[in-house]
Amino acid sequence: MAGQPEQKKPEIKLYNTLTREETVFKPIDPLNVRMYVCGPTVYDYAHIGNARPAIIFDVLFRLLRHVYGAEHVTYARNITDVDDKINLRALRDHPGLPLNEAIRLVTEKTETQYLEDATALGCLDPTIQPRATENIAQMIEIIEKLIAKGHAYQAEGEVLFDTKSMADYGALSKRNLDEQQAGARVAVDAHKKNPGDFVLWKLSSHNEPGWESPWGRGRPGWHIECSAMSQRYLGEVFDIHGGGLDLIFPHHENEIAQSRCAHGTDAMSNVWMHNGFLQVEGRKMSKSEGNFVTIYELLHTEKFGGRKWPGEVLRLAMLMTHYREPIDFSIKRLEEAERLLAKWPAADAGDASPDEAVLNALADDLNTVAAVQALHALAQSGNAAAFAASAALLGVEPKETEVDEAVAGEIDRRVRARLELLKAKNFTEADKIRETLLAEGIQLKDGKDAVTGERVTTWEVKR
C-alpha cells in the first residue's frame, strides 16, 4: 500500500529430484526465469490426478512471478496431441470418419475441456502452451543430431536412442542399465541394441497419422516431443522442469538423454520437481476399482460424494497436502476444505502485499500446508487486504457464497431438527447441531415470531 516499504523478496528453496537435495533456487537469468511442465495427452478428459501438477506448478508460477516479476517468468506447459492412445480413441469414437478428421475431433474436444478444467481450478494460463503437432520439424532436427553424434540408430522402421551411448543414463531415476534385466523383452524387441533403448521415430501405416522425414513417413515417440518443445521455447538448458512422480522414468529420464546428447550440454533443466501420487478414498485410482473420477465429473456431476464440488474447494483440498507427499483425495478432505473456505473473507487486495508468513512458507519448497495455516490465521486477524493478496498467491480466492437449493434445503432440515430438540429440552444435542453448522460457516440466529411468539431460527453464511 502507499507509504509502505517495499517487501523484501524471499529466497526460494526447491527440492531437486536429480540431486535428491533441497537447495536455494538460482535462475540462469533472473530476467528470464523458465519453467516447463508436462501437460496432458488429449485423448480423454483429465482425471483428478492430472489436476495435482496443474495446481502445484501454478502456485510455483505465481511465486516466481511475485519474486522475479511477471514479465520475467516464462511457463510452458505442452499439449500432447499425437499419440497412439489418441489414434485408438479416434477409431473408437468416430469409426466412420477418416482418421485424421477423427483425431482432430478427439483432440480439440479434450484439449478444450482440459483448459476449462484448469481455469475452474484457479490456474493461470501458462505463458506458452505448445502442441506436439506444431513442433514436428524441431523433433526431426533433434533426431538427426542424435544420429549424427552416434546416440541413435535405425532398425526395422524405427529410430531408437542408444542408451549405452550415454555414460550417465539413469541419473534422474538412479537406475543402472547394467542391472536392468531384459527378460522377455529381448524376444519382443529383438531389433534393439539394448533392452532399454527407446523409440524416437516410428513409421506410420497408411491409416495412421504421419509426417515426412528422412526415415520415411512416420510419427514421433512420446519422449522426443517434450525435448523439442522445451528447447524451442525455453532453450537448450532452462531452470525448472516439473511433472508427476510417475514421469521420472522413463519419460523425464529419456528427455534428459535426448536433450543433453543432442545439444552437448551437461543439463537439460537445472531443477527437476515432481509431485507425489494420488489415491482416492485410500485406494489407487483406477477404472477397475470404480473410483476413477475426472475433473469434469467433480465440477459438473454428482458422481463423487453425491454432489458437485467448486473448483476452489478442489484446489484448496490439494494444497492441504505438501506436493511431494502422497495425497488421499477424499470426500472428508473436500468437506474440510469447504468449511475452511467458508470462514475466509472475500476481499480486494488493492495494493497490499502478501503476508510474510505465507510467502516464506511457499518459498520453502512450496510448503502449501504451512501457507494455508498462515493464511487461515491471517483471515482471523481482520487484515482483509493482506489476506486477499496472500490468497491470490495461492490461487485460492474466496468468493461470496451462493448456497444452491439442495444445500439450503439440507440446512433448513437441520435447523428444524434443532428446534424440535429445543422444544424437547434436549439442549445438548441442539447445541451440537448449532456448533456443527457454525464449523461449516453457517451461523444461526434465534428469535420469536412477532404474531405467535414461537421461537424461530434464521441462518446465514458467514466468512
Foldseek 3Di string as FASTA:
>chain_A
DPPDDDDDQDFFWAQFLLVRDIDTADWPDLQAAEEEEEADAQQDFAFLQNLLVLQLVLLVLLLSCVRSNNNRYAYEYEYELADVSLQVSLCVPPVPDQSVVSSVVRRVVRVVNNVVLSVQLLGDDGNYYYYLVVQVVLLLLLLVLCVVLPQWDDFDQFIKGDQVVDPPQCSSVVDDQVPDDLPPVCVVPVRDPGSPIDTAWGADDPRGDFDQHPSGTTDGDDQSSVLRVCCVPPNLEHEEYEYAPVCSPPRVSVSFVSSCSSVVDPGRYPGYYHFYAEAEQPHRDDVVVVRTGGSCCQQPHLPAVRDHAGSLLSSVLSLLDQRNDYYHHYPVSSLLSLLLLLLADQDALPPPAADPQLSVCCSHNHNSNSNSVVLSVVRVVPPNNNSQNSCVSSSRHRDDDDDDPVRVVVLVVLQVVLLVCVVVVVVVVSVVSQVVCVSSQKHKDWDADPPPRDIDIDIDGHD
